[in-house]
Structure formats: C-alpha cells, structure tokens
PDB file of N, CA and C in Angstrom:
ATOM      1  N   MET A   1       0.838  -1.181   0.000  1.00  0.00           N
ATOM      2  CA  MET A   1       0.000   0.000   0.000  1.00  0.00           C
ATOM      3  C   MET A   1       0.889   1.253   0.000  1.00  0.00           C
ATOM      4  N   ILE A   2       0.609   2.181  -0.885  1.00  0.00           N
ATOM      5  CA  ILE A   2       1.391   3.401  -1.008  1.00  0.00           C
ATOM      6  C   ILE A   2       0.730   4.501  -0.186  1.00  0.00           C
ATOM      7  N   ASP A   3       1.516   5.151   0.664  1.00  0.00           N
ATOM      8  CA  ASP A   3       1.027   6.261   1.467  1.00  0.00           C
ATOM      9  C   ASP A   3       1.164   7.531   0.639  1.00  0.00           C
ATOM     10  N   ARG A   4       0.061   8.161   0.303  1.00  0.00           N
ATOM     11  CA  ARG A   4       0.084   9.369  -0.523  1.00  0.00           C
ATOM     12  C   ARG A   4      -0.177  10.623   0.295  1.00  0.00           C
ATOM     13  N   SER A   5       0.065  10.525   1.565  1.00  0.00           N
ATOM     14  CA  SER A   5      -0.151  11.690   2.417  1.00  0.00           C
ATOM     15  C   SER A   5       1.078  12.601   2.394  1.00  0.00           C
ATOM     16  N   PHE A   6       0.867  13.856   2.741  1.00  0.00           N
ATOM     17  CA  PHE A   6       1.936  14.844   2.788  1.00  0.00           C
ATOM     18  C   PHE A   6       1.619  15.824   3.908  1.00  0.00           C
ATOM     19  N   PRO A   7       2.609  16.590   4.375  1.00  0.00           N
ATOM     20  CA  PRO A   7       2.386  17.510   5.483  1.00  0.00           C
ATOM     21  C   PRO A   7       1.390  18.618   5.132  1.00  0.00           C
ATOM     22  N   LEU A   8       0.566  18.968   6.094  1.00  0.00           N
ATOM     23  CA  LEU A   8      -0.423  20.034   5.914  1.00  0.00           C
ATOM     24  C   LEU A   8       0.234  21.327   5.451  1.00  0.00           C
ATOM     25  N   ASP A   9       1.426  21.628   5.930  1.00  0.00           N
ATOM     26  CA  ASP A   9       2.061  22.894   5.570  1.00  0.00           C
ATOM     27  C   ASP A   9       2.500  22.949   4.106  1.00  0.00           C
ATOM     28  N   GLU A  10       2.388  21.841   3.375  1.00  0.00           N
ATOM     29  CA  GLU A  10       2.680  21.841   1.938  1.00  0.00           C
ATOM     30  C   GLU A  10       1.430  22.066   1.092  1.00  0.00           C
ATOM     31  N   LEU A  11       0.271  22.069   1.736  1.00  0.00           N
ATOM     32  CA  LEU A  11      -0.987  22.272   1.013  1.00  0.00           C
ATOM     33  C   LEU A  11      -1.114  23.752   0.644  1.00  0.00           C
ATOM     34  N   PRO A  12      -1.295  24.064  -0.650  1.00  0.00           N
ATOM     35  CA  PRO A  12      -1.394  25.465  -1.063  1.00  0.00           C
ATOM     36  C   PRO A  12      -2.657  26.133  -0.505  1.00  0.00           C
ATOM     37  N   ALA A  13      -2.573  27.438  -0.282  1.00  0.00           N
ATOM     38  CA  ALA A  13      -3.745  28.196   0.158  1.00  0.00           C
ATOM     39  C   ALA A  13      -4.853  28.047  -0.876  1.00  0.00           C
ATOM     40  N   GLY A  14      -6.077  27.887  -0.403  1.00  0.00           N
ATOM     41  CA  GLY A  14      -7.227  27.719  -1.285  1.00  0.00           C
ATOM     42  C   GLY A  14      -7.501  26.278  -1.666  1.00  0.00           C
ATOM     43  N   GLN A  15      -6.639  25.353  -1.266  1.00  0.00           N
ATOM     44  CA  GLN A  15      -6.820  23.941  -1.577  1.00  0.00           C
ATOM     45  C   GLN A  15      -7.379  23.200  -0.365  1.00  0.00           C
ATOM     46  N   THR A  16      -8.077  22.128  -0.630  1.00  0.00           N
ATOM     47  CA  THR A  16      -8.723  21.336   0.405  1.00  0.00           C
ATOM     48  C   THR A  16      -8.197  19.917   0.362  1.00  0.00           C
ATOM     49  N   ALA A  17      -8.076  19.297   1.532  1.00  0.00           N
ATOM     50  CA  ALA A  17      -7.629  17.907   1.633  1.00  0.00           C
ATOM     51  C   ALA A  17      -8.261  17.285   2.876  1.00  0.00           C
ATOM     52  N   LEU A  18      -8.118  15.979   2.982  1.00  0.00           N
ATOM     53  CA  LEU A  18      -8.575  15.259   4.174  1.00  0.00           C
ATOM     54  C   LEU A  18      -7.393  15.017   5.091  1.00  0.00           C
ATOM     55  N   ILE A  19      -7.621  15.183   6.384  1.00  0.00           N
ATOM     56  CA  ILE A  19      -6.563  14.863   7.335  1.00  0.00           C
ATOM     57  C   ILE A  19      -6.408  13.350   7.355  1.00  0.00           C
ATOM     58  N   HIS A  20      -5.203  12.895   7.147  1.00  0.00           N
ATOM     59  CA  HIS A  20      -4.898  11.468   7.117  1.00  0.00           C
ATOM     60  C   HIS A  20      -4.507  10.982   8.506  1.00  0.00           C
ATOM     61  N   ARG A  21      -3.582  11.688   9.147  1.00  0.00           N
ATOM     62  CA  ARG A  21      -3.178  11.315  10.508  1.00  0.00           C
ATOM     63  C   ARG A  21      -2.467  12.488  11.171  1.00  0.00           C
ATOM     64  N   ILE A  22      -2.469  12.449  12.487  1.00  0.00           N
ATOM     65  CA  ILE A  22      -1.760  13.445  13.279  1.00  0.00           C
ATOM     66  C   ILE A  22      -0.838  12.670  14.206  1.00  0.00           C
ATOM     67  N   SER A  23       0.419  13.051  14.227  1.00  0.00           N
ATOM     68  CA  SER A  23       1.357  12.378  15.120  1.00  0.00           C
ATOM     69  C   SER A  23       2.113  13.419  15.930  1.00  0.00           C
ATOM     70  N   GLY A  24       2.470  13.030  17.133  1.00  0.00           N
ATOM     71  CA  GLY A  24       3.196  13.919  18.020  1.00  0.00           C
ATOM     72  C   GLY A  24       2.852  13.604  19.457  1.00  0.00           C
ATOM     73  N   PRO A  25       3.188  14.509  20.369  1.00  0.00           N
ATOM     74  CA  PRO A  25       2.876  14.304  21.779  1.00  0.00           C
ATOM     75  C   PRO A  25       1.373  14.116  21.980  1.00  0.00           C
ATOM     76  N   ALA A  26       1.007  13.134  22.775  1.00  0.00           N
ATOM     77  CA  ALA A  26      -0.399  12.764  22.956  1.00  0.00           C
ATOM     78  C   ALA A  26      -1.273  13.942  23.387  1.00  0.00           C
ATOM     79  N   ASP A  27      -0.783  14.793  24.278  1.00  0.00           N
ATOM     80  CA  ASP A  27      -1.603  15.916  24.743  1.00  0.00           C
ATOM     81  C   ASP A  27      -1.866  16.928  23.622  1.00  0.00           C
ATOM     82  N   GLU A  28      -0.912  17.133  22.722  1.00  0.00           N
ATOM     83  CA  GLU A  28      -1.111  18.056  21.601  1.00  0.00           C
ATOM     84  C   GLU A  28      -2.059  17.458  20.560  1.00  0.00           C
ATOM     85  N   VAL A  29      -1.927  16.158  20.294  1.00  0.00           N
ATOM     86  CA  VAL A  29      -2.831  15.488  19.354  1.00  0.00           C
ATOM     87  C   VAL A  29      -4.252  15.545  19.904  1.00  0.00           C
ATOM     88  N   ARG A  30      -4.419  15.266  21.178  1.00  0.00           N
ATOM     89  CA  ARG A  30      -5.740  15.291  21.814  1.00  0.00           C
ATOM     90  C   ARG A  30      -6.348  16.698  21.744  1.00  0.00           C
ATOM     91  N   ARG A  31      -5.531  17.735  21.936  1.00  0.00           N
ATOM     92  CA  ARG A  31      -6.027  19.112  21.861  1.00  0.00           C
ATOM     93  C   ARG A  31      -6.577  19.414  20.477  1.00  0.00           C
ATOM     94  N   LEU A  32      -5.870  18.983  19.425  1.00  0.00           N
ATOM     95  CA  LEU A  32      -6.368  19.198  18.064  1.00  0.00           C
ATOM     96  C   LEU A  32      -7.667  18.435  17.833  1.00  0.00           C
ATOM     97  N   GLU A  33      -7.734  17.218  18.337  1.00  0.00           N
ATOM     98  CA  GLU A  33      -8.955  16.422  18.179  1.00  0.00           C
ATOM     99  C   GLU A  33     -10.143  17.084  18.871  1.00  0.00           C
ATOM    100  N   GLU A  34      -9.907  17.749  19.990  1.00  0.00           N
ATOM    101  CA  GLU A  34     -10.983  18.468  20.684  1.00  0.00           C
ATOM    102  C   GLU A  34     -11.534  19.606  19.831  1.00  0.00           C
ATOM    103  N   PHE A  35     -10.706  20.172  18.958  1.00  0.00           N
ATOM    104  CA  PHE A  35     -11.150  21.218  18.041  1.00  0.00           C
ATOM    105  C   PHE A  35     -11.766  20.631  16.764  1.00  0.00           C
ATOM    106  N   GLY A  36     -11.803  19.304  16.651  1.00  0.00           N
ATOM    107  CA  GLY A  36     -12.372  18.663  15.475  1.00  0.00           C
ATOM    108  C   GLY A  36     -11.358  18.355  14.396  1.00  0.00           C
ATOM    109  N   ILE A  37     -10.085  18.628  14.660  1.00  0.00           N
ATOM    110  CA  ILE A  37      -9.029  18.345  13.693  1.00  0.00           C
ATOM    111  C   ILE A  37      -8.563  16.924  13.947  1.00  0.00           C
ATOM    112  N   ARG A  38      -9.101  15.995  13.131  1.00  0.00           N
ATOM    113  CA  ARG A  38      -8.791  14.572  13.313  1.00  0.00           C
ATOM    114  C   ARG A  38      -8.845  13.865  11.968  1.00  0.00           C
ATOM    115  N   SER A  39      -8.402  12.632  11.957  1.00  0.00           N
ATOM    116  CA  SER A  39      -8.386  11.832  10.736  1.00  0.00           C
ATOM    117  C   SER A  39      -9.759  11.826  10.070  1.00  0.00           C
ATOM    118  N   GLY A  40      -9.771  12.066   8.755  1.00  0.00           N
ATOM    119  CA  GLY A  40     -11.011  12.050   7.987  1.00  0.00           C
ATOM    120  C   GLY A  40     -11.685  13.407   7.860  1.00  0.00           C
ATOM    121  N   THR A  41     -11.202  14.404   8.589  1.00  0.00           N
ATOM    122  CA  THR A  41     -11.788  15.741   8.529  1.00  0.00           C
ATOM    123  C   THR A  41     -11.291  16.474   7.288  1.00  0.00           C
ATOM    124  N   ARG A  42     -12.210  17.118   6.588  1.00  0.00           N
ATOM    125  CA  ARG A  42     -11.860  17.889   5.395  1.00  0.00           C
ATOM    126  C   ARG A  42     -11.500  19.305   5.833  1.00  0.00           C
ATOM    127  N   VAL A  43     -10.331  19.770   5.412  1.00  0.00           N
ATOM    128  CA  VAL A  43      -9.869  21.119   5.766  1.00  0.00           C
ATOM    129  C   VAL A  43      -9.412  21.860   4.517  1.00  0.00           C
ATOM    130  N   GLU A  44      -9.577  23.171   4.558  1.00  0.00           N
ATOM    131  CA  GLU A  44      -9.067  24.039   3.497  1.00  0.00           C
ATOM    132  C   GLU A  44      -8.031  24.967   4.124  1.00  0.00           C
ATOM    133  N   VAL A  45      -6.914  25.150   3.457  1.00  0.00           N
ATOM    134  CA  VAL A  45      -5.923  26.100   3.936  1.00  0.00           C
ATOM    135  C   VAL A  45      -6.344  27.486   3.454  1.00  0.00           C
ATOM    136  N   PHE A  46      -6.650  28.340   4.419  1.00  0.00           N
ATOM    137  CA  PHE A  46      -7.034  29.720   4.110  1.00  0.00           C
ATOM    138  C   PHE A  46      -5.777  30.574   3.975  1.00  0.00           C
ATOM    139  N   ARG A  47      -4.820  30.359   4.904  1.00  0.00           N
ATOM    140  CA  ARG A  47      -3.533  31.051   4.854  1.00  0.00           C
ATOM    141  C   ARG A  47      -2.437  30.098   5.315  1.00  0.00           C
ATOM    142  N   ARG A  48      -1.372  29.982   4.537  1.00  0.00           N
ATOM    143  CA  ARG A  48      -0.237  29.118   4.889  1.00  0.00           C
ATOM    144  C   ARG A  48       0.659  29.810   5.886  1.00  0.00           C
ATOM    145  N   GLY A  49       1.506  29.028   6.532  1.00  0.00           N
ATOM    146  CA  GLY A  49       2.494  29.569   7.449  1.00  0.00           C
ATOM    147  C   GLY A  49       2.334  28.963   8.831  1.00  0.00           C
ATOM    148  N   ASN A  50       3.043  29.521   9.770  1.00  0.00           N
ATOM    149  CA  ASN A  50       2.941  29.054  11.144  1.00  0.00           C
ATOM    150  C   ASN A  50       2.808  30.288  12.032  1.00  0.00           C
ATOM    151  N   PRO A  51       1.617  30.646  12.431  1.00  0.00           N
ATOM    152  CA  PRO A  51       0.422  29.811  12.372  1.00  0.00           C
ATOM    153  C   PRO A  51      -0.245  29.857  10.995  1.00  0.00           C
ATOM    154  N   CYS A  52      -0.951  28.782  10.675  1.00  0.00           N
ATOM    155  CA  CYS A  52      -1.743  28.766   9.454  1.00  0.00           C
ATOM    156  C   CYS A  52      -3.209  28.921   9.864  1.00  0.00           C
ATOM    157  N   ILE A  53      -4.009  29.329   8.909  1.00  0.00           N
ATOM    158  CA  ILE A  53      -5.443  29.450   9.171  1.00  0.00           C
ATOM    159  C   ILE A  53      -6.145  28.420   8.301  1.00  0.00           C
ATOM    160  N   LEU A  54      -6.923  27.566   8.956  1.00  0.00           N
ATOM    161  CA  LEU A  54      -7.684  26.522   8.276  1.00  0.00           C
ATOM    162  C   LEU A  54      -9.157  26.896   8.261  1.00  0.00           C
ATOM    163  N   ARG A  55      -9.826  26.494   7.208  1.00  0.00           N
ATOM    164  CA  ARG A  55     -11.279  26.606   7.167  1.00  0.00           C
ATOM    165  C   ARG A  55     -11.812  25.182   7.270  1.00  0.00           C
ATOM    166  N   MET A  56     -12.691  24.973   8.238  1.00  0.00           N
ATOM    167  CA  MET A  56     -13.203  23.633   8.495  1.00  0.00           C
ATOM    168  C   MET A  56     -14.658  23.751   8.940  1.00  0.00           C
ATOM    169  N   ALA A  57     -15.553  23.100   8.216  1.00  0.00           N
ATOM    170  CA  ALA A  57     -16.976  23.105   8.556  1.00  0.00           C
ATOM    171  C   ALA A  57     -17.513  24.526   8.724  1.00  0.00           C
ATOM    172  N   GLY A  58     -17.069  25.441   7.852  1.00  0.00           N
ATOM    173  CA  GLY A  58     -17.557  26.808   7.887  1.00  0.00           C
ATOM    174  C   GLY A  58     -16.884  27.708   8.909  1.00  0.00           C
ATOM    175  N   ASN A  59     -15.952  27.185   9.680  1.00  0.00           N
ATOM    176  CA  ASN A  59     -15.252  27.968  10.694  1.00  0.00           C
ATOM    177  C   ASN A  59     -13.788  28.133  10.314  1.00  0.00           C
ATOM    178  N   LYS A  60     -13.178  29.216  10.776  1.00  0.00           N
ATOM    179  CA  LYS A  60     -11.743  29.413  10.583  1.00  0.00           C
ATOM    180  C   LYS A  60     -11.042  29.096  11.893  1.00  0.00           C
ATOM    181  N   ILE A  61      -9.954  28.328  11.789  1.00  0.00           N
ATOM    182  CA  ILE A  61      -9.178  27.928  12.958  1.00  0.00           C
ATOM    183  C   ILE A  61      -7.727  28.283  12.712  1.00  0.00           C
ATOM    184  N   CYS A  62      -7.120  28.941  13.677  1.00  0.00           N
ATOM    185  CA  CYS A  62      -5.706  29.284  13.611  1.00  0.00           C
ATOM    186  C   CYS A  62      -4.921  28.130  14.226  1.00  0.00           C
ATOM    187  N   LEU A  63      -4.000  27.569  13.482  1.00  0.00           N
ATOM    188  CA  LEU A  63      -3.247  26.404  13.934  1.00  0.00           C
ATOM    189  C   LEU A  63      -1.756  26.718  13.938  1.00  0.00           C
ATOM    190  N   ARG A  64      -1.175  26.686  15.127  1.00  0.00           N
ATOM    191  CA  ARG A  64       0.271  26.856  15.269  1.00  0.00           C
ATOM    192  C   ARG A  64       0.819  25.488  15.666  1.00  0.00           C
ATOM    193  N   THR A  65       1.699  24.945  14.850  1.00  0.00           N
ATOM    194  CA  THR A  65       2.227  23.615  15.140  1.00  0.00           C
ATOM    195  C   THR A  65       3.663  23.685  15.630  1.00  0.00           C
ATOM    196  N   SER A  66       3.985  22.761  16.489  1.00  0.00           N
ATOM    197  CA  SER A  66       5.364  22.643  16.961  1.00  0.00           C
ATOM    198  C   SER A  66       6.062  21.598  16.105  1.00  0.00           C
ATOM    199  N   ARG A  67       7.357  21.556  16.177  1.00  0.00           N
ATOM    200  CA  ARG A  67       8.120  20.619  15.356  1.00  0.00           C
ATOM    201  C   ARG A  67       7.723  19.151  15.565  1.00  0.00           C
ATOM    202  N   PRO A  68       7.524  18.690  16.796  1.00  0.00           N
ATOM    203  CA  PRO A  68       7.190  17.273  16.932  1.00  0.00           C
ATOM    204  C   PRO A  68       5.758  16.928  16.517  1.00  0.00           C
ATOM    205  N   LEU A  69       4.906  17.925  16.302  1.00  0.00           N
ATOM    206  CA  LEU A  69       3.527  17.674  15.905  1.00  0.00           C
ATOM    207  C   LEU A  69       3.438  17.703  14.387  1.00  0.00           C
ATOM    208  N   ARG A  70       2.946  16.611  13.777  1.00  0.00           N
ATOM    209  CA  ARG A  70       2.826  16.529  12.318  1.00  0.00           C
ATOM    210  C   ARG A  70       1.397  16.222  11.943  1.00  0.00           C
ATOM    211  N   VAL A  71       0.835  17.089  11.090  1.00  0.00           N
ATOM    212  CA  VAL A  71      -0.503  16.868  10.553  1.00  0.00           C
ATOM    213  C   VAL A  71      -0.311  16.479   9.093  1.00  0.00           C
ATOM    214  N   MET A  72      -0.693  15.256   8.763  1.00  0.00           N
ATOM    215  CA  MET A  72      -0.550  14.746   7.399  1.00  0.00           C
ATOM    216  C   MET A  72      -1.920  14.730   6.735  1.00  0.00           C
ATOM    217  N   VAL A  73      -1.963  15.156   5.454  1.00  0.00           N
ATOM    218  CA  VAL A  73      -3.213  15.201   4.700  1.00  0.00           C
ATOM    219  C   VAL A  73      -3.076  14.393   3.417  1.00  0.00           C
ATOM    220  N   GLU A  74      -4.214  14.119   2.794  1.00  0.00           N
ATOM    221  CA  GLU A  74      -4.209  13.389   1.527  1.00  0.00           C
ATOM    222  C   GLU A  74      -5.399  13.853   0.683  1.00  0.00           C
ATOM    223  N   GLY A  75      -5.336  13.553  -0.600  1.00  0.00           N
ATOM    224  CA  GLY A  75      -6.460  13.821  -1.486  1.00  0.00           C
ATOM    225  C   GLY A  75      -6.701  15.281  -1.748  1.00  0.00           C
ATOM    226  N   LEU A  76      -5.831  15.904  -2.506  1.00  0.00           N
ATOM    227  CA  LEU A  76      -5.934  17.318  -2.837  1.00  0.00           C
ATOM    228  C   LEU A  76      -7.190  17.583  -3.648  1.00  0.00           C
ATOM    229  N   PHE A  77      -7.987  18.549  -3.219  1.00  0.00           N
ATOM    230  CA  PHE A  77      -9.224  18.929  -3.908  1.00  0.00           C
ATOM    231  C   PHE A  77      -9.184  20.418  -4.211  1.00  0.00           C
ATOM    232  N   SER A  78      -9.813  20.832  -5.284  1.00  0.00           N
ATOM    233  CA  SER A  78      -9.992  22.263  -5.574  1.00  0.00           C
ATOM    234  C   SER A  78     -11.299  22.691  -4.949  1.00  0.00           C
ATOM    235  N   VAL A  79     -11.352  23.947  -4.536  1.00  0.00           N
ATOM    236  CA  VAL A  79     -12.593  24.477  -3.945  1.00  0.00           C
ATOM    237  C   VAL A  79     -13.316  25.336  -4.932  1.00  0.00           C
TER     238      VAL A  79
END
C-alpha cells in the first residue's frame, strides 16, 4: 500500500484535503482532536504559514504547530 499523504504545511492556500493522521505528543494530538481536527476531517488552507489558518466546517481555525507535531493530509481537492 502506497502512502500518498503529505504535510499540511505543503498544502497550497485555497486547496482542500482530508486529514490522514496526526502524530506527536499525545496531549497536543488530543487538543487538536478536541477542536475537530482529526483523521477524515476535510480542511481548506485559508492562509499558509505558522500559524496557518484553516477553514473547516464553515469555521476558521488558527493552527500553530510545533516541530514534533505533524498533521498529514491526503487527497488534494480544488474548492
């Protein structure tokens, strides 16, 4: 099986993808999941960078990631 996921920070602004997996310290992963950022969630990058701004389910979320926290996405979609 080929893993076609890539880091969220490589997703161009205005593009949408599905979150494939989140890895890192358990407390940071759990915090993102509490905001609804979890595997299978569709997100759009509104603004790239750190922090980046995501659009998810009609809401904008500011996401600042640390080095050990990795959000991987898959399935690039146009909006």
